[in-house]
Amino acid sequence: MDLLGPSLEDLFNFCSRRFTMKTVGMLADQMISRIEYVHTKNFIHRDIKPDNFLMGIGRRCNKLFLIDFGLAKKYRDYRTRQHIPYREGKNLTGTAGYASINTHFGIEQSLRDDMESLGYQGLKAATKKQKYEKISEKMSTPVEVLCKGFPAEFAMYLNYCRGLRFDEAPDYMYLRQLFRILFRTLNHQ
C-alpha cells in the first residue's frame, strides 16, 4: 500500500480555493486517465470528487491517484463483455453535489456518469441550502451558462459527457486532448 499526499480538496483549500487554468488543465488530464484505468478494469467508481483524488509524495509528487472504491461497481462482465442493463428507480449513489444528472433522476450509473461527475468538480457552495440550489442549477441550467467565465473546453467536455449513451464508452483521448490543447494555449499566452 502506498502512502499518499493531500487530496485535491486539501490543495484547493491550501491555495485559497483557486487553481490556475494551467493547473486545472494538468489535473483534468490525469483525472481522466485515472478514471479510464478504472473503467478498463470493468468498474465504475460512482463517487468522483476532489476528496478522492490524492497527490503522490516524494518522486511521485506530481502524480494523481484515485482512491475510495467503496461505492465502485462492476459495469460489465470481463469474459462476456456484457454491459449491466439500463435501469430506472435507483437510489442516488455517491456525493450529490458531484453526481451526474442521470444519477439524480434514478438512472443506473455507467461510464458516462463518472465522466460527467468529473465535470462538476468546481461546483461548490458555502451552505447546505446553497449546495442543493447548485445541484438543481446543474440540472436546469444550460451547460454554456454553467461554464460561463471558463474556457470553451469546459462546456465542450460537459456537453460531450452528457451526450453519451448509457452503454457508450467515452473517447477518453478526445477528452484529454481538450485539456491538453487548453494547456498549450495557456502556455503560449
N, C-alpha and C. Protein backbone atom coordinates (compact mmCIF):
# COMPACT_ATOMS: atom_id res chain seq x y z
N MET A 1 0.85 -1.17 0.00
CA MET A 1 0.00 0.00 0.00
C MET A 1 0.89 1.24 0.00
N ASP A 2 0.53 2.20 -0.83
CA ASP A 2 1.32 3.43 -0.95
C ASP A 2 0.82 4.50 0.02
N LEU A 3 1.76 5.25 0.57
CA LEU A 3 1.42 6.44 1.35
C LEU A 3 1.24 7.57 0.35
N LEU A 4 0.13 8.28 0.46
CA LEU A 4 -0.17 9.35 -0.49
C LEU A 4 -0.23 10.70 0.21
N GLY A 5 -0.19 11.74 -0.60
CA GLY A 5 -0.21 13.10 -0.09
C GLY A 5 -1.62 13.65 0.02
N PRO A 6 -1.74 14.98 -0.07
CA PRO A 6 -3.03 15.63 0.13
C PRO A 6 -4.01 15.37 -1.02
N SER A 7 -5.29 15.52 -0.69
CA SER A 7 -6.34 15.40 -1.72
C SER A 7 -6.41 16.70 -2.51
N LEU A 8 -7.10 16.65 -3.64
CA LEU A 8 -7.31 17.89 -4.41
C LEU A 8 -8.13 18.89 -3.60
N GLU A 9 -9.03 18.38 -2.78
CA GLU A 9 -9.82 19.27 -1.91
C GLU A 9 -8.89 19.98 -0.93
N ASP A 10 -7.95 19.25 -0.34
CA ASP A 10 -6.97 19.86 0.59
C ASP A 10 -6.12 20.91 -0.12
N LEU A 11 -5.64 20.57 -1.31
CA LEU A 11 -4.80 21.51 -2.08
C LEU A 11 -5.59 22.75 -2.47
N PHE A 12 -6.84 22.55 -2.86
CA PHE A 12 -7.70 23.67 -3.25
C PHE A 12 -7.86 24.62 -2.06
N ASN A 13 -8.09 24.07 -0.88
CA ASN A 13 -8.20 24.91 0.32
C ASN A 13 -6.88 25.61 0.63
N PHE A 14 -5.78 24.89 0.49
CA PHE A 14 -4.45 25.45 0.74
C PHE A 14 -4.16 26.62 -0.22
N CYS A 15 -4.69 26.53 -1.45
CA CYS A 15 -4.47 27.57 -2.47
C CYS A 15 -5.59 28.61 -2.46
N SER A 16 -6.20 28.83 -1.31
CA SER A 16 -7.28 29.82 -1.14
C SER A 16 -8.43 29.59 -2.11
N ARG A 17 -8.72 28.31 -2.39
CA ARG A 17 -9.82 27.88 -3.25
C ARG A 17 -9.73 28.43 -4.66
N ARG A 18 -8.49 28.53 -5.16
CA ARG A 18 -8.27 28.96 -6.55
C ARG A 18 -7.12 28.17 -7.15
N PHE A 19 -7.37 27.55 -8.29
CA PHE A 19 -6.32 26.93 -9.09
C PHE A 19 -6.21 27.73 -10.38
N THR A 20 -5.02 27.83 -10.92
CA THR A 20 -4.87 28.47 -12.23
C THR A 20 -5.47 27.54 -13.28
N MET A 21 -5.81 28.09 -14.44
CA MET A 21 -6.34 27.27 -15.53
C MET A 21 -5.31 26.23 -15.98
N LYS A 22 -4.03 26.58 -15.93
CA LYS A 22 -2.99 25.61 -16.29
C LYS A 22 -3.01 24.42 -15.34
N THR A 23 -3.15 24.70 -14.05
CA THR A 23 -3.21 23.63 -13.05
C THR A 23 -4.44 22.77 -13.29
N VAL A 24 -5.58 23.40 -13.54
CA VAL A 24 -6.82 22.66 -13.81
C VAL A 24 -6.64 21.77 -15.03
N GLY A 25 -6.02 22.31 -16.08
CA GLY A 25 -5.79 21.52 -17.30
C GLY A 25 -4.92 20.31 -17.04
N MET A 26 -3.85 20.49 -16.29
CA MET A 26 -2.95 19.36 -15.98
C MET A 26 -3.66 18.33 -15.11
N LEU A 27 -4.42 18.80 -14.14
CA LEU A 27 -5.13 17.87 -13.26
C LEU A 27 -6.23 17.12 -14.02
N ALA A 28 -6.97 17.83 -14.87
CA ALA A 28 -8.05 17.19 -15.63
C ALA A 28 -7.49 16.05 -16.49
N ASP A 29 -6.36 16.27 -17.11
CA ASP A 29 -5.71 15.24 -17.94
C ASP A 29 -5.47 13.98 -17.12
N GLN A 30 -4.89 14.14 -15.94
CA GLN A 30 -4.61 12.98 -15.09
C GLN A 30 -5.88 12.35 -14.52
N MET A 31 -6.85 13.18 -14.16
CA MET A 31 -8.10 12.65 -13.61
C MET A 31 -8.81 11.77 -14.64
N ILE A 32 -8.84 12.23 -15.88
CA ILE A 32 -9.46 11.44 -16.95
C ILE A 32 -8.73 10.12 -17.11
N SER A 33 -7.40 10.16 -17.07
CA SER A 33 -6.61 8.92 -17.20
C SER A 33 -6.89 7.95 -16.06
N ARG A 34 -7.02 8.45 -14.83
CA ARG A 34 -7.27 7.56 -13.69
C ARG A 34 -8.64 6.91 -13.80
N ILE A 35 -9.62 7.70 -14.20
CA ILE A 35 -10.98 7.15 -14.37
C ILE A 35 -10.98 6.13 -15.50
N GLU A 36 -10.30 6.44 -16.59
CA GLU A 36 -10.22 5.50 -17.71
C GLU A 36 -9.63 4.17 -17.24
N TYR A 37 -8.59 4.22 -16.43
CA TYR A 37 -7.96 3.00 -15.94
C TYR A 37 -8.97 2.14 -15.16
N VAL A 38 -9.74 2.77 -14.28
CA VAL A 38 -10.77 2.04 -13.52
C VAL A 38 -11.77 1.40 -14.49
N HIS A 39 -12.17 2.15 -15.51
CA HIS A 39 -13.13 1.64 -16.48
C HIS A 39 -12.56 0.46 -17.27
N THR A 40 -11.26 0.48 -17.57
CA THR A 40 -10.67 -0.64 -18.31
C THR A 40 -10.68 -1.92 -17.47
N LYS A 41 -10.84 -1.79 -16.17
CA LYS A 41 -10.92 -2.96 -15.28
C LYS A 41 -12.37 -3.39 -15.05
N ASN A 42 -13.28 -2.83 -15.87
CA ASN A 42 -14.71 -3.18 -15.86
C ASN A 42 -15.48 -2.66 -14.64
N PHE A 43 -14.98 -1.58 -14.04
CA PHE A 43 -15.65 -0.97 -12.89
C PHE A 43 -15.97 0.49 -13.17
N ILE A 44 -17.02 0.97 -12.52
CA ILE A 44 -17.30 2.41 -12.45
C ILE A 44 -17.08 2.81 -11.00
N HIS A 45 -16.57 4.01 -10.78
CA HIS A 45 -16.21 4.47 -9.44
C HIS A 45 -17.43 4.89 -8.63
N ARG A 46 -18.27 5.72 -9.23
CA ARG A 46 -19.53 6.21 -8.67
C ARG A 46 -19.40 7.21 -7.52
N ASP A 47 -18.20 7.71 -7.26
CA ASP A 47 -18.04 8.77 -6.24
C ASP A 47 -16.85 9.66 -6.60
N ILE A 48 -16.88 10.17 -7.83
CA ILE A 48 -15.82 11.05 -8.31
C ILE A 48 -15.97 12.41 -7.65
N LYS A 49 -14.95 12.80 -6.87
CA LYS A 49 -14.96 14.10 -6.18
C LYS A 49 -13.53 14.44 -5.76
N PRO A 50 -13.26 15.72 -5.47
CA PRO A 50 -11.89 16.14 -5.15
C PRO A 50 -11.28 15.42 -3.95
N ASP A 51 -12.10 15.00 -3.00
CA ASP A 51 -11.58 14.28 -1.82
C ASP A 51 -11.02 12.90 -2.20
N ASN A 52 -11.42 12.37 -3.34
CA ASN A 52 -11.00 11.03 -3.74
C ASN A 52 -9.85 11.02 -4.75
N PHE A 53 -9.27 12.18 -5.01
CA PHE A 53 -8.06 12.28 -5.82
C PHE A 53 -6.94 12.79 -4.92
N LEU A 54 -5.91 12.00 -4.76
CA LEU A 54 -4.78 12.36 -3.90
C LEU A 54 -3.50 12.48 -4.71
N MET A 55 -2.65 13.41 -4.31
CA MET A 55 -1.34 13.56 -4.93
C MET A 55 -0.39 12.53 -4.32
N GLY A 56 0.59 12.12 -5.12
CA GLY A 56 1.63 11.25 -4.60
C GLY A 56 2.59 12.06 -3.74
N ILE A 57 3.59 11.39 -3.20
CA ILE A 57 4.63 12.08 -2.44
C ILE A 57 5.99 11.64 -2.96
N GLY A 58 7.02 12.39 -2.57
CA GLY A 58 8.38 12.05 -3.00
C GLY A 58 8.54 12.15 -4.51
N ARG A 59 9.11 11.11 -5.12
CA ARG A 59 9.35 11.12 -6.57
C ARG A 59 8.05 11.17 -7.37
N ARG A 60 6.95 10.81 -6.73
CA ARG A 60 5.66 10.79 -7.42
C ARG A 60 4.74 11.93 -6.98
N CYS A 61 5.35 13.04 -6.57
CA CYS A 61 4.56 14.15 -6.03
C CYS A 61 3.69 14.84 -7.10
N ASN A 62 3.99 14.63 -8.38
CA ASN A 62 3.19 15.23 -9.44
C ASN A 62 2.18 14.26 -10.03
N LYS A 63 2.09 13.07 -9.46
CA LYS A 63 1.17 12.06 -9.97
C LYS A 63 -0.09 12.04 -9.11
N LEU A 64 -1.23 11.95 -9.78
CA LEU A 64 -2.53 11.93 -9.12
C LEU A 64 -3.01 10.48 -8.97
N PHE A 65 -3.62 10.19 -7.84
CA PHE A 65 -4.14 8.85 -7.56
C PHE A 65 -5.63 8.94 -7.25
N LEU A 66 -6.39 7.95 -7.67
CA LEU A 66 -7.82 7.87 -7.37
C LEU A 66 -8.01 6.84 -6.25
N ILE A 67 -8.74 7.23 -5.21
CA ILE A 67 -8.94 6.34 -4.05
C ILE A 67 -10.43 6.12 -3.78
N ASP A 68 -10.73 5.36 -2.74
CA ASP A 68 -12.06 5.11 -2.19
C ASP A 68 -12.97 4.41 -3.20
N PHE A 69 -12.82 3.11 -3.24
CA PHE A 69 -13.61 2.30 -4.16
C PHE A 69 -14.79 1.62 -3.45
N GLY A 70 -15.22 2.19 -2.33
CA GLY A 70 -16.31 1.62 -1.55
C GLY A 70 -17.64 1.61 -2.27
N LEU A 71 -17.85 2.52 -3.22
CA LEU A 71 -19.10 2.57 -3.97
C LEU A 71 -18.93 2.06 -5.40
N ALA A 72 -17.72 1.60 -5.74
CA ALA A 72 -17.45 1.12 -7.10
C ALA A 72 -18.34 -0.08 -7.42
N LYS A 73 -18.63 -0.23 -8.70
CA LYS A 73 -19.50 -1.33 -9.14
C LYS A 73 -19.00 -1.86 -10.48
N LYS A 74 -19.05 -3.17 -10.63
CA LYS A 74 -18.69 -3.78 -11.91
C LYS A 74 -19.78 -3.41 -12.91
N TYR A 75 -19.40 -2.84 -14.05
CA TYR A 75 -20.40 -2.44 -15.04
C TYR A 75 -20.49 -3.42 -16.21
N ARG A 76 -19.50 -4.32 -16.33
CA ARG A 76 -19.61 -5.35 -17.37
C ARG A 76 -18.81 -6.58 -16.96
N ASP A 77 -19.24 -7.70 -17.48
CA ASP A 77 -18.57 -8.97 -17.23
C ASP A 77 -17.27 -8.99 -18.02
N TYR A 78 -16.17 -9.31 -17.37
CA TYR A 78 -14.87 -9.24 -18.05
C TYR A 78 -14.71 -10.33 -19.11
N ARG A 79 -15.45 -11.44 -18.99
CA ARG A 79 -15.34 -12.51 -20.01
C ARG A 79 -16.26 -12.24 -21.20
N THR A 80 -17.53 -11.98 -20.91
CA THR A 80 -18.51 -11.81 -21.99
C THR A 80 -18.56 -10.38 -22.53
N ARG A 81 -18.03 -9.44 -21.75
CA ARG A 81 -18.07 -8.00 -22.08
C ARG A 81 -19.50 -7.46 -22.07
N GLN A 82 -20.42 -8.22 -21.47
CA GLN A 82 -21.82 -7.82 -21.37
C GLN A 82 -21.96 -6.66 -20.38
N HIS A 83 -22.55 -5.55 -20.84
CA HIS A 83 -22.78 -4.35 -20.03
C HIS A 83 -23.96 -4.59 -19.09
N ILE A 84 -23.92 -3.98 -17.89
CA ILE A 84 -25.07 -4.08 -16.99
C ILE A 84 -26.30 -3.48 -17.68
N PRO A 85 -27.49 -3.94 -17.34
CA PRO A 85 -28.69 -3.42 -18.00
C PRO A 85 -29.05 -2.01 -17.53
N TYR A 86 -29.71 -1.29 -18.42
CA TYR A 86 -30.25 0.04 -18.10
C TYR A 86 -31.40 -0.16 -17.12
N ARG A 87 -31.41 0.63 -16.06
CA ARG A 87 -32.49 0.56 -15.06
C ARG A 87 -32.84 1.96 -14.60
N GLU A 88 -34.06 2.09 -14.14
CA GLU A 88 -34.52 3.34 -13.54
C GLU A 88 -35.00 3.05 -12.12
N GLY A 89 -35.22 4.09 -11.35
CA GLY A 89 -35.71 3.93 -9.99
C GLY A 89 -34.61 3.58 -8.99
N LYS A 90 -33.37 3.89 -9.33
CA LYS A 90 -32.23 3.60 -8.45
C LYS A 90 -32.07 4.74 -7.44
N ASN A 91 -31.61 4.40 -6.25
CA ASN A 91 -31.28 5.43 -5.26
C ASN A 91 -29.97 6.09 -5.65
N LEU A 92 -29.81 7.34 -5.24
CA LEU A 92 -28.58 8.07 -5.54
C LEU A 92 -27.41 7.41 -4.81
N THR A 93 -26.39 7.08 -5.57
CA THR A 93 -25.15 6.54 -5.00
C THR A 93 -24.05 7.54 -5.30
N GLY A 94 -23.28 7.92 -4.30
CA GLY A 94 -22.21 8.89 -4.49
C GLY A 94 -22.51 10.17 -3.73
N THR A 95 -21.81 11.22 -4.10
CA THR A 95 -21.95 12.52 -3.45
C THR A 95 -22.82 13.41 -4.33
N ALA A 96 -23.97 13.84 -3.80
CA ALA A 96 -24.98 14.54 -4.59
C ALA A 96 -24.43 15.72 -5.38
N GLY A 97 -23.57 16.52 -4.77
CA GLY A 97 -23.05 17.71 -5.44
C GLY A 97 -22.25 17.41 -6.70
N TYR A 98 -21.70 16.21 -6.79
CA TYR A 98 -20.88 15.84 -7.94
C TYR A 98 -21.56 14.82 -8.84
N ALA A 99 -22.71 14.31 -8.44
CA ALA A 99 -23.38 13.26 -9.20
C ALA A 99 -23.91 13.78 -10.53
N SER A 100 -23.94 12.90 -11.51
CA SER A 100 -24.47 13.25 -12.84
C SER A 100 -25.97 13.51 -12.75
N ILE A 101 -26.49 14.16 -13.77
CA ILE A 101 -27.92 14.43 -13.83
C ILE A 101 -28.71 13.13 -13.86
N ASN A 102 -28.27 12.16 -14.67
CA ASN A 102 -28.98 10.88 -14.73
C ASN A 102 -29.02 10.19 -13.38
N THR A 103 -27.96 10.31 -12.60
CA THR A 103 -27.93 9.71 -11.26
C THR A 103 -29.00 10.35 -10.38
N HIS A 104 -29.17 11.67 -10.48
CA HIS A 104 -30.21 12.36 -9.71
C HIS A 104 -31.61 11.90 -10.13
N PHE A 105 -31.75 11.50 -11.39
CA PHE A 105 -33.05 11.01 -11.89
C PHE A 105 -33.26 9.53 -11.62
N GLY A 106 -32.34 8.89 -10.91
CA GLY A 106 -32.52 7.49 -10.53
C GLY A 106 -32.16 6.49 -11.61
N ILE A 107 -31.37 6.91 -12.58
CA ILE A 107 -30.95 6.01 -13.67
C ILE A 107 -29.66 5.31 -13.26
N GLU A 108 -29.60 4.01 -13.55
CA GLU A 108 -28.40 3.20 -13.27
C GLU A 108 -27.17 3.93 -13.80
N GLN A 109 -26.10 3.96 -13.01
CA GLN A 109 -24.88 4.64 -13.44
C GLN A 109 -24.06 3.77 -14.39
N SER A 110 -23.33 4.46 -15.26
CA SER A 110 -22.42 3.79 -16.19
C SER A 110 -21.20 4.69 -16.39
N LEU A 111 -20.40 4.37 -17.38
CA LEU A 111 -19.17 5.12 -17.64
C LEU A 111 -19.43 6.63 -17.75
N ARG A 112 -20.49 6.96 -18.46
CA ARG A 112 -20.79 8.38 -18.72
C ARG A 112 -20.96 9.17 -17.43
N ASP A 113 -21.46 8.51 -16.38
CA ASP A 113 -21.73 9.22 -15.13
C ASP A 113 -20.46 9.58 -14.38
N ASP A 114 -19.47 8.67 -14.38
CA ASP A 114 -18.17 9.01 -13.80
C ASP A 114 -17.57 10.22 -14.52
N MET A 115 -17.68 10.22 -15.85
CA MET A 115 -17.07 11.30 -16.63
C MET A 115 -17.81 12.62 -16.42
N GLU A 116 -19.14 12.57 -16.36
CA GLU A 116 -19.90 13.80 -16.12
C GLU A 116 -19.59 14.34 -14.72
N SER A 117 -19.49 13.45 -13.74
CA SER A 117 -19.17 13.87 -12.37
C SER A 117 -17.86 14.64 -12.31
N LEU A 118 -16.91 14.21 -13.10
CA LEU A 118 -15.62 14.91 -13.16
C LEU A 118 -15.81 16.37 -13.57
N GLY A 119 -16.76 16.62 -14.45
CA GLY A 119 -17.03 17.98 -14.92
C GLY A 119 -17.61 18.90 -13.87
N TYR A 120 -18.10 18.33 -12.76
CA TYR A 120 -18.71 19.15 -11.70
C TYR A 120 -17.76 19.40 -10.54
N GLN A 121 -16.49 19.15 -10.69
CA GLN A 121 -15.55 19.28 -9.58
C GLN A 121 -15.48 20.69 -9.01
N GLY A 122 -15.80 21.69 -9.80
CA GLY A 122 -15.72 23.07 -9.32
C GLY A 122 -17.02 23.60 -8.73
N LEU A 123 -18.08 22.78 -8.72
CA LEU A 123 -19.38 23.22 -8.23
C LEU A 123 -19.39 23.18 -6.70
N LYS A 124 -19.17 24.32 -6.08
CA LYS A 124 -19.05 24.40 -4.61
C LYS A 124 -20.10 25.35 -4.05
N ALA A 125 -20.37 25.19 -2.78
CA ALA A 125 -21.32 26.08 -2.10
C ALA A 125 -20.93 26.22 -0.63
N ALA A 126 -21.30 27.36 -0.03
CA ALA A 126 -20.91 27.65 1.35
C ALA A 126 -21.85 26.99 2.37
N THR A 127 -23.14 26.87 2.03
CA THR A 127 -24.10 26.29 2.97
C THR A 127 -24.82 25.11 2.32
N LYS A 128 -25.51 24.31 3.16
CA LYS A 128 -26.28 23.18 2.62
C LYS A 128 -27.36 23.67 1.67
N LYS A 129 -28.01 24.77 2.03
CA LYS A 129 -29.07 25.32 1.18
C LYS A 129 -28.50 25.68 -0.19
N GLN A 130 -27.36 26.39 -0.20
CA GLN A 130 -26.72 26.76 -1.47
C GLN A 130 -26.28 25.52 -2.24
N LYS A 131 -25.83 24.49 -1.52
CA LYS A 131 -25.39 23.26 -2.16
C LYS A 131 -26.54 22.64 -2.96
N TYR A 132 -27.72 22.57 -2.36
CA TYR A 132 -28.86 21.97 -3.05
C TYR A 132 -29.37 22.88 -4.17
N GLU A 133 -29.20 24.19 -4.01
CA GLU A 133 -29.53 25.10 -5.11
C GLU A 133 -28.59 24.85 -6.28
N LYS A 134 -27.30 24.63 -5.99
CA LYS A 134 -26.32 24.34 -7.05
C LYS A 134 -26.66 23.04 -7.77
N ILE A 135 -27.09 22.03 -7.01
CA ILE A 135 -27.45 20.75 -7.62
C ILE A 135 -28.61 20.95 -8.58
N SER A 136 -29.65 21.68 -8.15
CA SER A 136 -30.78 21.87 -9.05
C SER A 136 -30.39 22.78 -10.21
N GLU A 137 -29.45 23.70 -9.98
CA GLU A 137 -28.94 24.55 -11.07
C GLU A 137 -28.33 23.71 -12.17
N LYS A 138 -27.50 22.75 -11.80
CA LYS A 138 -26.82 21.96 -12.83
C LYS A 138 -27.82 21.14 -13.63
N MET A 139 -28.99 20.84 -13.02
CA MET A 139 -29.99 20.06 -13.73
C MET A 139 -30.85 20.92 -14.64
N SER A 140 -30.98 22.21 -14.33
CA SER A 140 -31.88 23.06 -15.11
C SER A 140 -31.16 24.14 -15.92
N THR A 141 -29.87 24.29 -15.75
CA THR A 141 -29.12 25.35 -16.41
C THR A 141 -28.36 24.80 -17.60
N PRO A 142 -28.43 25.47 -18.75
CA PRO A 142 -27.65 25.01 -19.91
C PRO A 142 -26.15 24.98 -19.58
N VAL A 143 -25.46 24.04 -20.18
CA VAL A 143 -24.02 23.86 -19.93
C VAL A 143 -23.26 25.15 -20.17
N GLU A 144 -23.60 25.86 -21.24
CA GLU A 144 -22.88 27.09 -21.57
C GLU A 144 -23.00 28.14 -20.46
N VAL A 145 -24.12 28.14 -19.76
CA VAL A 145 -24.32 29.08 -18.64
C VAL A 145 -23.55 28.58 -17.41
N LEU A 146 -23.61 27.27 -17.14
CA LEU A 146 -22.85 26.70 -16.02
C LEU A 146 -21.36 26.98 -16.16
N CYS A 147 -20.87 26.95 -17.40
CA CYS A 147 -19.44 27.08 -17.67
C CYS A 147 -19.04 28.51 -18.04
N LYS A 148 -19.95 29.46 -17.86
CA LYS A 148 -19.66 30.86 -18.20
C LYS A 148 -18.44 31.33 -17.41
N GLY A 149 -17.53 32.00 -18.09
CA GLY A 149 -16.33 32.51 -17.44
C GLY A 149 -15.16 31.54 -17.51
N PHE A 150 -15.41 30.34 -18.02
CA PHE A 150 -14.35 29.34 -18.18
C PHE A 150 -14.06 29.17 -19.67
N PRO A 151 -12.88 28.68 -20.01
CA PRO A 151 -12.59 28.41 -21.42
C PRO A 151 -13.62 27.46 -22.03
N ALA A 152 -13.83 27.57 -23.34
CA ALA A 152 -14.85 26.79 -24.06
C ALA A 152 -14.69 25.29 -23.87
N GLU A 153 -13.48 24.83 -23.60
CA GLU A 153 -13.23 23.39 -23.43
C GLU A 153 -14.06 22.78 -22.30
N PHE A 154 -14.40 23.56 -21.29
CA PHE A 154 -15.19 23.05 -20.17
C PHE A 154 -16.61 22.71 -20.62
N ALA A 155 -17.23 23.61 -21.39
CA ALA A 155 -18.57 23.34 -21.92
C ALA A 155 -18.52 22.19 -22.92
N MET A 156 -17.47 22.14 -23.73
CA MET A 156 -17.33 21.04 -24.69
C MET A 156 -17.25 19.71 -23.96
N TYR A 157 -16.49 19.68 -22.87
CA TYR A 157 -16.35 18.46 -22.07
C TYR A 157 -17.72 18.01 -21.53
N LEU A 158 -18.42 18.91 -20.86
CA LEU A 158 -19.70 18.54 -20.25
C LEU A 158 -20.74 18.16 -21.29
N ASN A 159 -20.82 18.91 -22.38
CA ASN A 159 -21.77 18.57 -23.45
C ASN A 159 -21.49 17.18 -24.00
N TYR A 160 -20.21 16.87 -24.20
CA TYR A 160 -19.84 15.56 -24.72
C TYR A 160 -20.29 14.46 -23.74
N CYS A 161 -19.98 14.63 -22.46
CA CYS A 161 -20.31 13.61 -21.45
C CYS A 161 -21.82 13.43 -21.30
N ARG A 162 -22.54 14.54 -21.30
CA ARG A 162 -24.00 14.45 -21.18
C ARG A 162 -24.63 13.81 -22.41
N GLY A 163 -23.94 13.86 -23.54
CA GLY A 163 -24.47 13.28 -24.78
C GLY A 163 -24.19 11.80 -24.96
N LEU A 164 -23.41 11.21 -24.06
CA LEU A 164 -23.08 9.78 -24.18
C LEU A 164 -24.31 8.92 -23.89
N ARG A 165 -24.42 7.80 -24.62
CA ARG A 165 -25.47 6.83 -24.34
C ARG A 165 -25.10 6.02 -23.10
N PHE A 166 -26.06 5.35 -22.50
CA PHE A 166 -25.85 4.57 -21.28
C PHE A 166 -24.70 3.58 -21.41
N ASP A 167 -24.65 2.87 -22.52
CA ASP A 167 -23.64 1.81 -22.68
C ASP A 167 -22.48 2.21 -23.60
N GLU A 168 -22.35 3.50 -23.85
CA GLU A 168 -21.30 4.01 -24.76
C GLU A 168 -20.01 4.29 -23.99
N ALA A 169 -18.91 3.84 -24.57
CA ALA A 169 -17.59 4.12 -23.99
C ALA A 169 -17.17 5.53 -24.37
N PRO A 170 -16.74 6.33 -23.41
CA PRO A 170 -16.26 7.68 -23.73
C PRO A 170 -14.98 7.63 -24.56
N ASP A 171 -14.76 8.66 -25.34
CA ASP A 171 -13.50 8.81 -26.06
C ASP A 171 -12.56 9.57 -25.12
N TYR A 172 -11.86 8.82 -24.29
CA TYR A 172 -11.01 9.41 -23.26
C TYR A 172 -9.91 10.28 -23.88
N MET A 173 -9.36 9.82 -25.00
CA MET A 173 -8.30 10.59 -25.65
C MET A 173 -8.82 11.95 -26.09
N TYR A 174 -10.01 11.99 -26.67
CA TYR A 174 -10.62 13.26 -27.07
C TYR A 174 -10.77 14.18 -25.86
N LEU A 175 -11.26 13.63 -24.76
CA LEU A 175 -11.48 14.44 -23.55
C LEU A 175 -10.16 14.96 -22.98
N ARG A 176 -9.14 14.11 -22.98
CA ARG A 176 -7.81 14.57 -22.51
C ARG A 176 -7.27 15.63 -23.46
N GLN A 177 -7.48 15.43 -24.74
CA GLN A 177 -6.97 16.36 -25.75
C GLN A 177 -7.57 17.76 -25.56
N LEU A 178 -8.83 17.83 -25.17
CA LEU A 178 -9.45 19.14 -24.90
C LEU A 178 -8.61 19.94 -23.91
N PHE A 179 -8.19 19.28 -22.84
CA PHE A 179 -7.44 19.98 -21.79
C PHE A 179 -5.97 20.14 -22.15
N ARG A 180 -5.42 19.25 -22.96
CA ARG A 180 -4.04 19.41 -23.42
C ARG A 180 -3.93 20.62 -24.35
N ILE A 181 -4.91 20.77 -25.21
CA ILE A 181 -4.92 21.93 -26.12
C ILE A 181 -5.07 23.21 -25.30
N LEU A 182 -5.98 23.19 -24.32
CA LEU A 182 -6.15 24.35 -23.44
C LEU A 182 -4.84 24.68 -22.74
N PHE A 183 -4.16 23.67 -22.21
CA PHE A 183 -2.90 23.87 -21.52
C PHE A 183 -1.86 24.50 -22.45
N ARG A 184 -1.75 23.98 -23.67
CA ARG A 184 -0.78 24.54 -24.63
C ARG A 184 -1.13 25.98 -25.00
N THR A 185 -2.42 26.25 -25.18
CA THR A 185 -2.87 27.60 -25.49
C THR A 185 -2.49 28.56 -24.36
N LEU A 186 -2.73 28.15 -23.13
CA LEU A 186 -2.41 28.99 -21.98
C LEU A 186 -0.90 29.18 -21.82
N ASN A 187 -0.12 28.18 -22.19
CA ASN A 187 1.34 28.27 -22.12
C ASN A 187 1.90 29.29 -23.10
N HIS A 188 1.17 29.54 -24.19
CA HIS A 188 1.66 30.47 -25.22
C HIS A 188 1.13 31.88 -25.04
N GLN A 189 0.37 32.10 -23.99
CA GLN A 189 -0.18 33.45 -23.77
C GLN A 189 0.73 34.25 -22.86
